[in-house]
Amino acid sequence: MTKADLIDLIAERTKLPHGRAELLICQMFDSMVDALCRGEGIEIRGFGSFSIRAYKEYQGRNPRTGEAVHVRPKRLAFFKVGKELRERVNNGRGHTPPKPPTSDPGPGPGSPSSSTSTTF
């Protein structure tokens, strides 16, 4: 989904004119960017949180030439998904829940394909 798609969806769902929906979305994003620039975190319950992580300077390498490159210190935005969103995504479309165990005992003990470990 792009920003334009989000604006169209908000305009349709709220019955707002397209220009108003665009203004709303742009103001929301601008407010979030301003808060992150000030070093503030953003927490949206049920969705997730945004924070700033600071990285120290270090000596890196150019992968093409192998030449040493100085990397300046930087601050980057970091997103941590909330529990409710994580659960909704995992239980949404495209997710196949694990199959429950059957009563069929499978191969007998000692056979090469018998195993007691389960991978999830």
PDB file of N, CA and C in Angstrom:
ATOM      1  N   MET A   1       0.847  -1.172   0.000  1.00  0.00           N
ATOM      2  CA  MET A   1       0.000   0.000   0.000  1.00  0.00           C
ATOM      3  C   MET A   1       0.891   1.233   0.000  1.00  0.00           C
ATOM      4  N   THR A   2       0.585   2.153  -0.854  1.00  0.00           N
ATOM      5  CA  THR A   2       1.325   3.404  -0.933  1.00  0.00           C
ATOM      6  C   THR A   2       0.586   4.492  -0.153  1.00  0.00           C
ATOM      7  N   LYS A   3       1.240   5.634  -0.017  1.00  0.00           N
ATOM      8  CA  LYS A   3       0.609   6.761   0.663  1.00  0.00           C
ATOM      9  C   LYS A   3      -0.655   7.175  -0.091  1.00  0.00           C
ATOM     10  N   ALA A   4      -0.600   7.179  -1.422  1.00  0.00           N
ATOM     11  CA  ALA A   4      -1.769   7.537  -2.233  1.00  0.00           C
ATOM     12  C   ALA A   4      -2.909   6.543  -2.017  1.00  0.00           C
ATOM     13  N   ASP A   5      -2.584   5.263  -1.916  1.00  0.00           N
ATOM     14  CA  ASP A   5      -3.601   4.239  -1.649  1.00  0.00           C
ATOM     15  C   ASP A   5      -4.245   4.477  -0.285  1.00  0.00           C
ATOM     16  N   LEU A   6      -3.416   4.818   0.702  1.00  0.00           N
ATOM     17  CA  LEU A   6      -3.926   5.076   2.048  1.00  0.00           C
ATOM     18  C   LEU A   6      -4.859   6.288   2.043  1.00  0.00           C
ATOM     19  N   ILE A   7      -4.481   7.327   1.338  1.00  0.00           N
ATOM     20  CA  ILE A   7      -5.324   8.523   1.244  1.00  0.00           C
ATOM     21  C   ILE A   7      -6.668   8.178   0.599  1.00  0.00           C
ATOM     22  N   ASP A   8      -6.635   7.420  -0.494  1.00  0.00           N
ATOM     23  CA  ASP A   8      -7.874   7.008  -1.162  1.00  0.00           C
ATOM     24  C   ASP A   8      -8.760   6.182  -0.234  1.00  0.00           C
ATOM     25  N   LEU A   9      -8.160   5.269   0.510  1.00  0.00           N
ATOM     26  CA  LEU A   9      -8.910   4.408   1.425  1.00  0.00           C
ATOM     27  C   LEU A   9      -9.550   5.221   2.550  1.00  0.00           C
ATOM     28  N   ILE A  10      -8.800   6.157   3.121  1.00  0.00           N
ATOM     29  CA  ILE A  10      -9.334   7.000   4.200  1.00  0.00           C
ATOM     30  C   ILE A  10     -10.468   7.883   3.666  1.00  0.00           C
ATOM     31  N   ALA A  11     -10.285   8.435   2.481  1.00  0.00           N
ATOM     32  CA  ALA A  11     -11.339   9.275   1.884  1.00  0.00           C
ATOM     33  C   ALA A  11     -12.612   8.465   1.674  1.00  0.00           C
ATOM     34  N   GLU A  12     -12.461   7.246   1.203  1.00  0.00           N
ATOM     35  CA  GLU A  12     -13.618   6.391   0.935  1.00  0.00           C
ATOM     36  C   GLU A  12     -14.310   5.973   2.231  1.00  0.00           C
ATOM     37  N   ARG A  13     -13.538   5.539   3.213  1.00  0.00           N
ATOM     38  CA  ARG A  13     -14.131   5.041   4.467  1.00  0.00           C
ATOM     39  C   ARG A  13     -14.771   6.137   5.306  1.00  0.00           C
ATOM     40  N   THR A  14     -14.174   7.330   5.302  1.00  0.00           N
ATOM     41  CA  THR A  14     -14.696   8.409   6.139  1.00  0.00           C
ATOM     42  C   THR A  14     -15.618   9.354   5.374  1.00  0.00           C
ATOM     43  N   LYS A  15     -15.771   9.119   4.070  1.00  0.00           N
ATOM     44  CA  LYS A  15     -16.599   9.971   3.211  1.00  0.00           C
ATOM     45  C   LYS A  15     -16.104  11.416   3.212  1.00  0.00           C
ATOM     46  N   LEU A  16     -14.777  11.581   3.395  1.00  0.00           N
ATOM     47  CA  LEU A  16     -14.160  12.905   3.323  1.00  0.00           C
ATOM     48  C   LEU A  16     -13.761  13.190   1.887  1.00  0.00           C
ATOM     49  N   PRO A  17     -13.715  14.457   1.512  1.00  0.00           N
ATOM     50  CA  PRO A  17     -13.173  14.780   0.188  1.00  0.00           C
ATOM     51  C   PRO A  17     -11.705  14.345   0.122  1.00  0.00           C
ATOM     52  N   HIS A  18     -11.251  14.021  -1.062  1.00  0.00           N
ATOM     53  CA  HIS A  18      -9.888  13.511  -1.242  1.00  0.00           C
ATOM     54  C   HIS A  18      -8.845  14.480  -0.679  1.00  0.00           C
ATOM     55  N   GLY A  19      -9.035  15.771  -0.902  1.00  0.00           N
ATOM     56  CA  GLY A  19      -8.088  16.777  -0.413  1.00  0.00           C
ATOM     57  C   GLY A  19      -8.000  16.801   1.098  1.00  0.00           C
ATOM     58  N   ARG A  20      -9.139  16.643   1.770  1.00  0.00           N
ATOM     59  CA  ARG A  20      -9.158  16.616   3.241  1.00  0.00           C
ATOM     60  C   ARG A  20      -8.454  15.378   3.767  1.00  0.00           C
ATOM     61  N   ALA A  21      -8.698  14.228   3.135  1.00  0.00           N
ATOM     62  CA  ALA A  21      -8.057  12.985   3.555  1.00  0.00           C
ATOM     63  C   ALA A  21      -6.538  13.087   3.363  1.00  0.00           C
ATOM     64  N   GLU A  22      -6.125  13.702   2.251  1.00  0.00           N
ATOM     65  CA  GLU A  22      -4.696  13.874   1.996  1.00  0.00           C
ATOM     66  C   GLU A  22      -4.068  14.775   3.057  1.00  0.00           C
ATOM     67  N   LEU A  23      -4.743  15.863   3.406  1.00  0.00           N
ATOM     68  CA  LEU A  23      -4.255  16.762   4.436  1.00  0.00           C
ATOM     69  C   LEU A  23      -4.134  16.039   5.779  1.00  0.00           C
ATOM     70  N   LEU A  24      -5.130  15.243   6.108  1.00  0.00           N
ATOM     71  CA  LEU A  24      -5.130  14.483   7.354  1.00  0.00           C
ATOM     72  C   LEU A  24      -3.931  13.532   7.421  1.00  0.00           C
ATOM     73  N   ILE A  25      -3.725  12.752   6.373  1.00  0.00           N
ATOM     74  CA  ILE A  25      -2.627  11.780   6.353  1.00  0.00           C
ATOM     75  C   ILE A  25      -1.279  12.490   6.384  1.00  0.00           C
ATOM     76  N   CYS A  26      -1.131  13.550   5.604  1.00  0.00           N
ATOM     77  CA  CYS A  26       0.139  14.289   5.573  1.00  0.00           C
ATOM     78  C   CYS A  26       0.451  14.912   6.935  1.00  0.00           C
ATOM     79  N   GLN A  27      -0.567  15.486   7.593  1.00  0.00           N
ATOM     80  CA  GLN A  27      -0.359  16.065   8.921  1.00  0.00           C
ATOM     81  C   GLN A  27       0.033  14.997   9.938  1.00  0.00           C
ATOM     82  N   MET A  28      -0.592  13.833   9.839  1.00  0.00           N
ATOM     83  CA  MET A  28      -0.264  12.752  10.765  1.00  0.00           C
ATOM     84  C   MET A  28       1.200  12.320  10.584  1.00  0.00           C
ATOM     85  N   PHE A  29       1.601  12.083   9.333  1.00  0.00           N
ATOM     86  CA  PHE A  29       2.982  11.672   9.076  1.00  0.00           C
ATOM     87  C   PHE A  29       3.976  12.761   9.468  1.00  0.00           C
ATOM     88  N   ASP A  30       3.659  14.016   9.159  1.00  0.00           N
ATOM     89  CA  ASP A  30       4.550  15.114   9.526  1.00  0.00           C
ATOM     90  C   ASP A  30       4.719  15.208  11.040  1.00  0.00           C
ATOM     91  N   SER A  31       3.641  15.015  11.777  1.00  0.00           N
ATOM     92  CA  SER A  31       3.709  15.053  13.238  1.00  0.00           C
ATOM     93  C   SER A  31       4.576  13.917  13.773  1.00  0.00           C
ATOM     94  N   MET A  32       4.468  12.746  13.165  1.00  0.00           N
ATOM     95  CA  MET A  32       5.283  11.607  13.587  1.00  0.00           C
ATOM     96  C   MET A  32       6.769  11.863  13.295  1.00  0.00           C
ATOM     97  N   VAL A  33       7.055  12.396  12.116  1.00  0.00           N
ATOM     98  CA  VAL A  33       8.444  12.694  11.748  1.00  0.00           C
ATOM     99  C   VAL A  33       9.019  13.753  12.683  1.00  0.00           C
ATOM    100  N   ASP A  34       8.244  14.790  12.985  1.00  0.00           N
ATOM    101  CA  ASP A  34       8.715  15.843  13.892  1.00  0.00           C
ATOM    102  C   ASP A  34       9.039  15.270  15.270  1.00  0.00           C
ATOM    103  N   ALA A  35       8.184  14.396  15.788  1.00  0.00           N
ATOM    104  CA  ALA A  35       8.425  13.793  17.096  1.00  0.00           C
ATOM    105  C   ALA A  35       9.700  12.955  17.077  1.00  0.00           C
ATOM    106  N   LEU A  36       9.905  12.175  16.032  1.00  0.00           N
ATOM    107  CA  LEU A  36      11.116  11.357  15.936  1.00  0.00           C
ATOM    108  C   LEU A  36      12.360  12.224  15.800  1.00  0.00           C
ATOM    109  N   CYS A  37      12.278  13.333  15.071  1.00  0.00           N
ATOM    110  CA  CYS A  37      13.414  14.250  14.933  1.00  0.00           C
ATOM    111  C   CYS A  37      13.794  14.860  16.281  1.00  0.00           C
ATOM    112  N   ARG A  38      12.805  15.074  17.143  1.00  0.00           N
ATOM    113  CA  ARG A  38      13.067  15.599  18.491  1.00  0.00           C
ATOM    114  C   ARG A  38      13.571  14.510  19.431  1.00  0.00           C
ATOM    115  N   GLY A  39      13.637  13.270  18.962  1.00  0.00           N
ATOM    116  CA  GLY A  39      14.109  12.173  19.798  1.00  0.00           C
ATOM    117  C   GLY A  39      13.012  11.544  20.636  1.00  0.00           C
ATOM    118  N   GLU A  40      11.779  11.921  20.390  1.00  0.00           N
ATOM    119  CA  GLU A  40      10.655  11.346  21.136  1.00  0.00           C
ATOM    120  C   GLU A  40      10.221  10.034  20.501  1.00  0.00           C
ATOM    121  N   GLY A  41       9.714   9.138  21.317  1.00  0.00           N
ATOM    122  CA  GLY A  41       9.153   7.903  20.806  1.00  0.00           C
ATOM    123  C   GLY A  41       7.685   8.087  20.485  1.00  0.00           C
ATOM    124  N   ILE A  42       7.152   7.192  19.699  1.00  0.00           N
ATOM    125  CA  ILE A  42       5.728   7.216  19.342  1.00  0.00           C
ATOM    126  C   ILE A  42       5.167   5.839  19.676  1.00  0.00           C
ATOM    127  N   GLU A  43       4.103   5.804  20.448  1.00  0.00           N
ATOM    128  CA  GLU A  43       3.473   4.531  20.795  1.00  0.00           C
ATOM    129  C   GLU A  43       2.017   4.569  20.370  1.00  0.00           C
ATOM    130  N   ILE A  44       1.638   3.621  19.524  1.00  0.00           N
ATOM    131  CA  ILE A  44       0.259   3.493  19.090  1.00  0.00           C
ATOM    132  C   ILE A  44      -0.218   2.135  19.579  1.00  0.00           C
ATOM    133  N   ARG A  45      -0.995   2.134  20.632  1.00  0.00           N
ATOM    134  CA  ARG A  45      -1.423   0.880  21.267  1.00  0.00           C
ATOM    135  C   ARG A  45      -2.120  -0.027  20.267  1.00  0.00           C
ATOM    136  N   GLY A  46      -1.734  -1.297  20.283  1.00  0.00           N
ATOM    137  CA  GLY A  46      -2.317  -2.278  19.393  1.00  0.00           C
ATOM    138  C   GLY A  46      -1.661  -2.308  18.025  1.00  0.00           C
ATOM    139  N   PHE A  47      -0.847  -1.313  17.717  1.00  0.00           N
ATOM    140  CA  PHE A  47      -0.176  -1.240  16.415  1.00  0.00           C
ATOM    141  C   PHE A  47       1.321  -1.441  16.562  1.00  0.00           C
ATOM    142  N   GLY A  48       1.952  -0.586  17.357  1.00  0.00           N
ATOM    143  CA  GLY A  48       3.394  -0.694  17.557  1.00  0.00           C
ATOM    144  C   GLY A  48       3.981   0.604  18.044  1.00  0.00           C
ATOM    145  N   SER A  49       5.303   0.623  18.129  1.00  0.00           N
ATOM    146  CA  SER A  49       5.974   1.830  18.594  1.00  0.00           C
ATOM    147  C   SER A  49       7.173   2.141  17.714  1.00  0.00           C
ATOM    148  N   PHE A  50       7.418   3.425  17.573  1.00  0.00           N
ATOM    149  CA  PHE A  50       8.567   3.926  16.827  1.00  0.00           C
ATOM    150  C   PHE A  50       9.522   4.548  17.821  1.00  0.00           C
ATOM    151  N   SER A  51      10.796   4.307  17.639  1.00  0.00           N
ATOM    152  CA  SER A  51      11.804   4.919  18.486  1.00  0.00           C
ATOM    153  C   SER A  51      13.025   5.231  17.632  1.00  0.00           C
ATOM    154  N   ILE A  52      13.950   5.957  18.234  1.00  0.00           N
ATOM    155  CA  ILE A  52      15.191   6.306  17.553  1.00  0.00           C
ATOM    156  C   ILE A  52      16.323   5.499  18.185  1.00  0.00           C
ATOM    157  N   ARG A  53      17.127   4.900  17.348  1.00  0.00           N
ATOM    158  CA  ARG A  53      18.308   4.176  17.819  1.00  0.00           C
ATOM    159  C   ARG A  53      19.544   4.894  17.308  1.00  0.00           C
ATOM    160  N   ALA A  54      20.479   5.123  18.221  1.00  0.00           N
ATOM    161  CA  ALA A  54      21.721   5.805  17.858  1.00  0.00           C
ATOM    162  C   ALA A  54      22.804   4.753  17.596  1.00  0.00           C
ATOM    163  N   TYR A  55      23.541   4.959  16.523  1.00  0.00           N
ATOM    164  CA  TYR A  55      24.632   4.058  16.158  1.00  0.00           C
ATOM    165  C   TYR A  55      25.936   4.841  16.182  1.00  0.00           C
ATOM    166  N   LYS A  56      26.973   4.258  16.767  1.00  0.00           N
ATOM    167  CA  LYS A  56      28.278   4.899  16.852  1.00  0.00           C
ATOM    168  C   LYS A  56      28.978   4.835  15.501  1.00  0.00           C
ATOM    169  N   GLU A  57      29.988   5.678  15.366  1.00  0.00           N
ATOM    170  CA  GLU A  57      30.776   5.628  14.144  1.00  0.00           C
ATOM    171  C   GLU A  57      31.612   4.348  14.128  1.00  0.00           C
ATOM    172  N   TYR A  58      31.936   3.886  12.950  1.00  0.00           N
ATOM    173  CA  TYR A  58      32.754   2.686  12.833  1.00  0.00           C
ATOM    174  C   TYR A  58      33.489   2.680  11.500  1.00  0.00           C
ATOM    175  N   GLN A  59      34.441   1.780  11.400  1.00  0.00           N
ATOM    176  CA  GLN A  59      35.212   1.617  10.174  1.00  0.00           C
ATOM    177  C   GLN A  59      34.580   0.479   9.387  1.00  0.00           C
ATOM    178  N   GLY A  60      34.039   0.782   8.221  1.00  0.00           N
ATOM    179  CA  GLY A  60      33.407  -0.226   7.381  1.00  0.00           C
ATOM    180  C   GLY A  60      34.278  -0.549   6.177  1.00  0.00           C
ATOM    181  N   ARG A  61      33.759  -1.369   5.296  1.00  0.00           N
ATOM    182  CA  ARG A  61      34.476  -1.742   4.071  1.00  0.00           C
ATOM    183  C   ARG A  61      33.551  -1.592   2.872  1.00  0.00           C
ATOM    184  N   ASN A  62      34.110  -1.082   1.797  1.00  0.00           N
ATOM    185  CA  ASN A  62      33.384  -1.036   0.537  1.00  0.00           C
ATOM    186  C   ASN A  62      33.364  -2.467  -0.003  1.00  0.00           C
ATOM    187  N   PRO A  63      32.188  -3.069  -0.193  1.00  0.00           N
ATOM    188  CA  PRO A  63      32.139  -4.473  -0.618  1.00  0.00           C
ATOM    189  C   PRO A  63      32.725  -4.716  -2.010  1.00  0.00           C
ATOM    190  N   ARG A  64      32.718  -3.696  -2.859  1.00  0.00           N
ATOM    191  CA  ARG A  64      33.260  -3.856  -4.205  1.00  0.00           C
ATOM    192  C   ARG A  64      34.778  -3.839  -4.241  1.00  0.00           C
ATOM    193  N   THR A  65      35.345  -2.865  -3.521  1.00  0.00           N
ATOM    194  CA  THR A  65      36.794  -2.683  -3.600  1.00  0.00           C
ATOM    195  C   THR A  65      37.532  -3.213  -2.385  1.00  0.00           C
ATOM    196  N   GLY A  66      36.823  -3.421  -1.282  1.00  0.00           N
ATOM    197  CA  GLY A  66      37.467  -3.857  -0.051  1.00  0.00           C
ATOM    198  C   GLY A  66      38.136  -2.711   0.689  1.00  0.00           C
ATOM    199  N   GLU A  67      38.028  -1.501   0.145  1.00  0.00           N
ATOM    200  CA  GLU A  67      38.652  -0.319   0.744  1.00  0.00           C
ATOM    201  C   GLU A  67      37.940   0.047   2.054  1.00  0.00           C
ATOM    202  N   ALA A  68      38.727   0.473   3.053  1.00  0.00           N
ATOM    203  CA  ALA A  68      38.172   0.899   4.332  1.00  0.00           C
ATOM    204  C   ALA A  68      37.414   2.212   4.147  1.00  0.00           C
ATOM    205  N   VAL A  69      36.237   2.295   4.781  1.00  0.00           N
ATOM    206  CA  VAL A  69      35.389   3.475   4.670  1.00  0.00           C
ATOM    207  C   VAL A  69      34.962   3.889   6.074  1.00  0.00           C
ATOM    208  N   HIS A  70      35.072   5.189   6.362  1.00  0.00           N
ATOM    209  CA  HIS A  70      34.626   5.705   7.655  1.00  0.00           C
ATOM    210  C   HIS A  70      33.113   5.928   7.602  1.00  0.00           C
ATOM    211  N   VAL A  71      32.385   5.352   8.557  1.00  0.00           N
ATOM    212  CA  VAL A  71      30.932   5.527   8.638  1.00  0.00           C
ATOM    213  C   VAL A  71      30.651   6.420   9.840  1.00  0.00           C
ATOM    214  N   ARG A  72      30.027   7.559   9.580  1.00  0.00           N
ATOM    215  CA  ARG A  72      29.734   8.529  10.637  1.00  0.00           C
ATOM    216  C   ARG A  72      28.657   7.997  11.585  1.00  0.00           C
ATOM    217  N   PRO A  73      28.598   8.532  12.803  1.00  0.00           N
ATOM    218  CA  PRO A  73      27.515   8.134  13.711  1.00  0.00           C
ATOM    219  C   PRO A  73      26.172   8.545  13.111  1.00  0.00           C
ATOM    220  N   LYS A  74      25.146   7.789  13.438  1.00  0.00           N
ATOM    221  CA  LYS A  74      23.830   8.093  12.857  1.00  0.00           C
ATOM    222  C   LYS A  74      22.726   7.689  13.815  1.00  0.00           C
ATOM    223  N   ARG A  75      21.563   8.253  13.571  1.00  0.00           N
ATOM    224  CA  ARG A  75      20.349   7.895  14.313  1.00  0.00           C
ATOM    225  C   ARG A  75      19.340   7.405  13.292  1.00  0.00           C
ATOM    226  N   LEU A  76      18.714   6.262  13.576  1.00  0.00           N
ATOM    227  CA  LEU A  76      17.740   5.694  12.652  1.00  0.00           C
ATOM    228  C   LEU A  76      16.441   5.386  13.383  1.00  0.00           C
ATOM    229  N   ALA A  77      15.347   5.522  12.661  1.00  0.00           N
ATOM    230  CA  ALA A  77      14.045   5.173  13.220  1.00  0.00           C
ATOM    231  C   ALA A  77      13.920   3.655  13.264  1.00  0.00           C
ATOM    232  N   PHE A  78      13.319   3.154  14.326  1.00  0.00           N
ATOM    233  CA  PHE A  78      13.138   1.725  14.525  1.00  0.00           C
ATOM    234  C   PHE A  78      11.678   1.481  14.886  1.00  0.00           C
ATOM    235  N   PHE A  79      11.062   0.463  14.276  1.00  0.00           N
ATOM    236  CA  PHE A  79       9.665   0.129  14.551  1.00  0.00           C
ATOM    237  C   PHE A  79       9.590  -1.224  15.231  1.00  0.00           C
ATOM    238  N   LYS A  80       8.827  -1.281  16.307  1.00  0.00           N
ATOM    239  CA  LYS A  80       8.588  -2.549  17.002  1.00  0.00           C
ATOM    240  C   LYS A  80       7.091  -2.812  16.942  1.00  0.00           C
ATOM    241  N   VAL A  81       6.717  -3.924  16.345  1.00  0.00           N
ATOM    242  CA  VAL A  81       5.308  -4.252  16.151  1.00  0.00           C
ATOM    243  C   VAL A  81       4.646  -4.556  17.498  1.00  0.00           C
ATOM    244  N   GLY A  82       3.388  -4.149  17.636  1.00  0.00           N
ATOM    245  CA  GLY A  82       2.629  -4.409  18.851  1.00  0.00           C
ATOM    246  C   GLY A  82       2.036  -5.810  18.850  1.00  0.00           C
ATOM    247  N   LYS A  83       1.677  -6.286  20.020  1.00  0.00           N
ATOM    248  CA  LYS A  83       1.153  -7.646  20.176  1.00  0.00           C
ATOM    249  C   LYS A  83      -0.111  -7.869  19.348  1.00  0.00           C
ATOM    250  N   GLU A  84      -1.053  -6.933  19.412  1.00  0.00           N
ATOM    251  CA  GLU A  84      -2.319  -7.107  18.700  1.00  0.00           C
ATOM    252  C   GLU A  84      -2.106  -7.170  17.188  1.00  0.00           C
ATOM    253  N   LEU A  85      -1.270  -6.288  16.653  1.00  0.00           N
ATOM    254  CA  LEU A  85      -0.993  -6.305  15.212  1.00  0.00           C
ATOM    255  C   LEU A  85      -0.287  -7.598  14.821  1.00  0.00           C
ATOM    256  N   ARG A  86       0.679  -8.015  15.609  1.00  0.00           N
ATOM    257  CA  ARG A  86       1.405  -9.260  15.322  1.00  0.00           C
ATOM    258  C   ARG A  86       0.441 -10.442  15.273  1.00  0.00           C
ATOM    259  N   GLU A  87      -0.472 -10.510  16.229  1.00  0.00           N
ATOM    260  CA  GLU A  87      -1.449 -11.607  16.256  1.00  0.00           C
ATOM    261  C   GLU A  87      -2.397 -11.536  15.066  1.00  0.00           C
ATOM    262  N   ARG A  88      -2.858 -10.336  14.726  1.00  0.00           N
ATOM    263  CA  ARG A  88      -3.774 -10.206  13.587  1.00  0.00           C
ATOM    264  C   ARG A  88      -3.102 -10.584  12.271  1.00  0.00           C
ATOM    265  N   VAL A  89      -1.850 -10.206  12.119  1.00  0.00           N
ATOM    266  CA  VAL A  89      -1.114 -10.560  10.898  1.00  0.00           C
ATOM    267  C   VAL A  89      -0.894 -12.069  10.836  1.00  0.00           C
ATOM    268  N   ASN A  90      -0.521 -12.665  11.954  1.00  0.00           N
ATOM    269  CA  ASN A  90      -0.260 -14.104  11.972  1.00  0.00           C
ATOM    270  C   ASN A  90      -1.521 -14.934  11.789  1.00  0.00           C
ATOM    271  N   ASN A  91      -2.670 -14.411  12.199  1.00  0.00           N
ATOM    272  CA  ASN A  91      -3.921 -15.146  12.050  1.00  0.00           C
ATOM    273  C   ASN A  91      -4.705 -14.720  10.814  1.00  0.00           C
ATOM    274  N   GLY A  92      -4.141 -13.802  10.048  1.00  0.00           N
ATOM    275  CA  GLY A  92      -4.824 -13.300   8.858  1.00  0.00           C
ATOM    276  C   GLY A  92      -4.614 -14.196   7.662  1.00  0.00           C
ATOM    277  N   ARG A  93      -4.937 -13.653   6.491  1.00  0.00           N
ATOM    278  CA  ARG A  93      -4.828 -14.441   5.266  1.00  0.00           C
ATOM    279  C   ARG A  93      -3.370 -14.774   4.974  1.00  0.00           C
ATOM    280  N   GLY A  94      -3.197 -15.884   4.291  1.00  0.00           N
ATOM    281  CA  GLY A  94      -1.858 -16.317   3.920  1.00  0.00           C
ATOM    282  C   GLY A  94      -1.163 -17.115   5.001  1.00  0.00           C
ATOM    283  N   HIS A  95      -1.761 -17.185   6.176  1.00  0.00           N
ATOM    284  CA  HIS A  95      -1.153 -17.940   7.274  1.00  0.00           C
ATOM    285  C   HIS A  95      -1.853 -19.272   7.402  1.00  0.00           C
ATOM    286  N   THR A  96      -1.084 -20.333   7.381  1.00  0.00           N
ATOM    287  CA  THR A  96      -1.643 -21.666   7.550  1.00  0.00           C
ATOM    288  C   THR A  96      -1.355 -22.119   8.973  1.00  0.00           C
ATOM    289  N   PRO A  97      -2.403 -22.311   9.795  1.00  0.00           N
ATOM    290  CA  PRO A  97      -2.164 -22.740  11.169  1.00  0.00           C
ATOM    291  C   PRO A  97      -1.585 -24.151  11.189  1.00  0.00           C
ATOM    292  N   PRO A  98      -0.793 -24.477  12.209  1.00  0.00           N
ATOM    293  CA  PRO A  98      -0.229 -25.824  12.281  1.00  0.00           C
ATOM    294  C   PRO A  98      -1.334 -26.860  12.417  1.00  0.00           C
ATOM    295  N   LYS A  99      -1.110 -28.015  11.816  1.00  0.00           N
ATOM    296  CA  LYS A  99      -2.100 -29.087  11.875  1.00  0.00           C
ATOM    297  C   LYS A  99      -2.017 -29.773  13.235  1.00  0.00           C
ATOM    298  N   PRO A 100      -3.174 -30.088  13.821  1.00  0.00           N
ATOM    299  CA  PRO A 100      -3.145 -30.789  15.109  1.00  0.00           C
ATOM    300  C   PRO A 100      -2.632 -32.207  14.913  1.00  0.00           C
ATOM    301  N   PRO A 101      -2.021 -32.775  15.950  1.00  0.00           N
ATOM    302  CA  PRO A 101      -1.516 -34.141  15.824  1.00  0.00           C
ATOM    303  C   PRO A 101      -2.663 -35.123  15.611  1.00  0.00           C
ATOM    304  N   THR A 102      -2.418 -36.146  14.836  1.00  0.00           N
ATOM    305  CA  THR A 102      -3.433 -37.172  14.574  1.00  0.00           C
ATOM    306  C   THR A 102      -3.249 -38.319  15.547  1.00  0.00           C
ATOM    307  N   SER A 103      -4.244 -39.179  15.604  1.00  0.00           N
ATOM    308  CA  SER A 103      -4.157 -40.323  16.506  1.00  0.00           C
ATOM    309  C   SER A 103      -3.351 -41.465  15.893  1.00  0.00           C
ATOM    310  N   ASP A 104      -2.951 -41.323  14.618  1.00  0.00           N
ATOM    311  CA  ASP A 104      -2.144 -42.337  13.958  1.00  0.00           C
ATOM    312  C   ASP A 104      -0.747 -42.341  14.570  1.00  0.00           C
ATOM    313  N   PRO A 105      -0.308 -43.482  15.117  1.00  0.00           N
ATOM    314  CA  PRO A 105       0.990 -43.512  15.775  1.00  0.00           C
ATOM    315  C   PRO A 105       2.157 -43.426  14.796  1.00  0.00           C
ATOM    316  N   GLY A 106       1.935 -43.604  13.513  1.00  0.00           N
ATOM    317  CA  GLY A 106       3.024 -43.508  12.542  1.00  0.00           C
ATOM    318  C   GLY A 106       3.913 -44.720  12.601  1.00  0.00           C
ATOM    319  N   PRO A 107       5.170 -44.593  12.150  1.00  0.00           N
ATOM    320  CA  PRO A 107       6.082 -45.734  12.158  1.00  0.00           C
ATOM    321  C   PRO A 107       6.368 -46.197  13.579  1.00  0.00           C
ATOM    322  N   GLY A 108       6.638 -47.449  13.710  1.00  0.00           N
ATOM    323  CA  GLY A 108       6.915 -48.017  15.027  1.00  0.00           C
ATOM    324  C   GLY A 108       8.272 -47.610  15.554  1.00  0.00           C
ATOM    325  N   PRO A 109       8.532 -47.941  16.829  1.00  0.00           N
ATOM    326  CA  PRO A 109       9.817 -47.599  17.429  1.00  0.00           C
ATOM    327  C   PRO A 109      10.944 -48.322  16.695  1.00  0.00           C
ATOM    328  N   GLY A 110      12.060 -47.627  16.597  1.00  0.00           N
ATOM    329  CA  GLY A 110      13.213 -48.228  15.967  1.00  0.00           C
ATOM    330  C   GLY A 110      13.266 -48.020  14.468  1.00  0.00           C
ATOM    331  N   SER A 111      12.183 -47.542  13.845  1.00  0.00           N
ATOM    332  CA  SER A 111      12.233 -47.319  12.406  1.00  0.00           C
ATOM    333  C   SER A 111      12.994 -46.025  12.139  1.00  0.00           C
ATOM    334  N   PRO A 112      13.677 -45.915  11.004  1.00  0.00           N
ATOM    335  CA  PRO A 112      14.505 -44.744  10.751  1.00  0.00           C
ATOM    336  C   PRO A 112      13.725 -43.444  10.661  1.00  0.00           C
ATOM    337  N   SER A 113      12.447 -43.481  10.377  1.00  0.00           N
ATOM    338  CA  SER A 113      11.703 -42.232  10.239  1.00  0.00           C
ATOM    339  C   SER A 113      10.986 -41.822  11.513  1.00  0.00           C
ATOM    340  N   SER A 114      11.134 -42.568  12.605  1.00  0.00           N
ATOM    341  CA  SER A 114      10.456 -42.145  13.842  1.00  0.00           C
ATOM    342  C   SER A 114      11.275 -41.061  14.524  1.00  0.00           C
ATOM    343  N   SER A 115      10.555 -40.075  15.073  1.00  0.00           N
ATOM    344  CA  SER A 115      11.208 -38.966  15.715  1.00  0.00           C
ATOM    345  C   SER A 115      10.300 -38.414  16.786  1.00  0.00           C
ATOM    346  N   THR A 116      10.883 -37.908  17.874  1.00  0.00           N
ATOM    347  CA  THR A 116      10.074 -37.357  18.943  1.00  0.00           C
ATOM    348  C   THR A 116      10.127 -35.843  18.965  1.00  0.00           C
ATOM    349  N   SER A 117      10.941 -35.206  18.130  1.00  0.00           N
ATOM    350  CA  SER A 117      11.003 -33.756  18.123  1.00  0.00           C
ATOM    351  C   SER A 117      10.036 -33.190  17.089  1.00  0.00           C
ATOM    352  N   THR A 118       9.519 -32.023  17.407  1.00  0.00           N
ATOM    353  CA  THR A 118       8.599 -31.344  16.513  1.00  0.00           C
ATOM    354  C   THR A 118       9.140 -29.962  16.222  1.00  0.00           C
ATOM    355  N   THR A 119       9.120 -29.552  14.981  1.00  0.00           N
ATOM    356  CA  THR A 119       9.592 -28.222  14.599  1.00  0.00           C
ATOM    357  C   THR A 119       8.378 -27.354  14.337  1.00  0.00           C
ATOM    358  N   PHE A 120       8.375 -26.160  14.955  1.00  0.00           N
ATOM    359  CA  PHE A 120       7.280 -25.208  14.769  1.00  0.00           C
ATOM    360  C   PHE A 120       7.772 -24.023  14.004  1.00  0.00           C
TER     361      PHE A 120
END
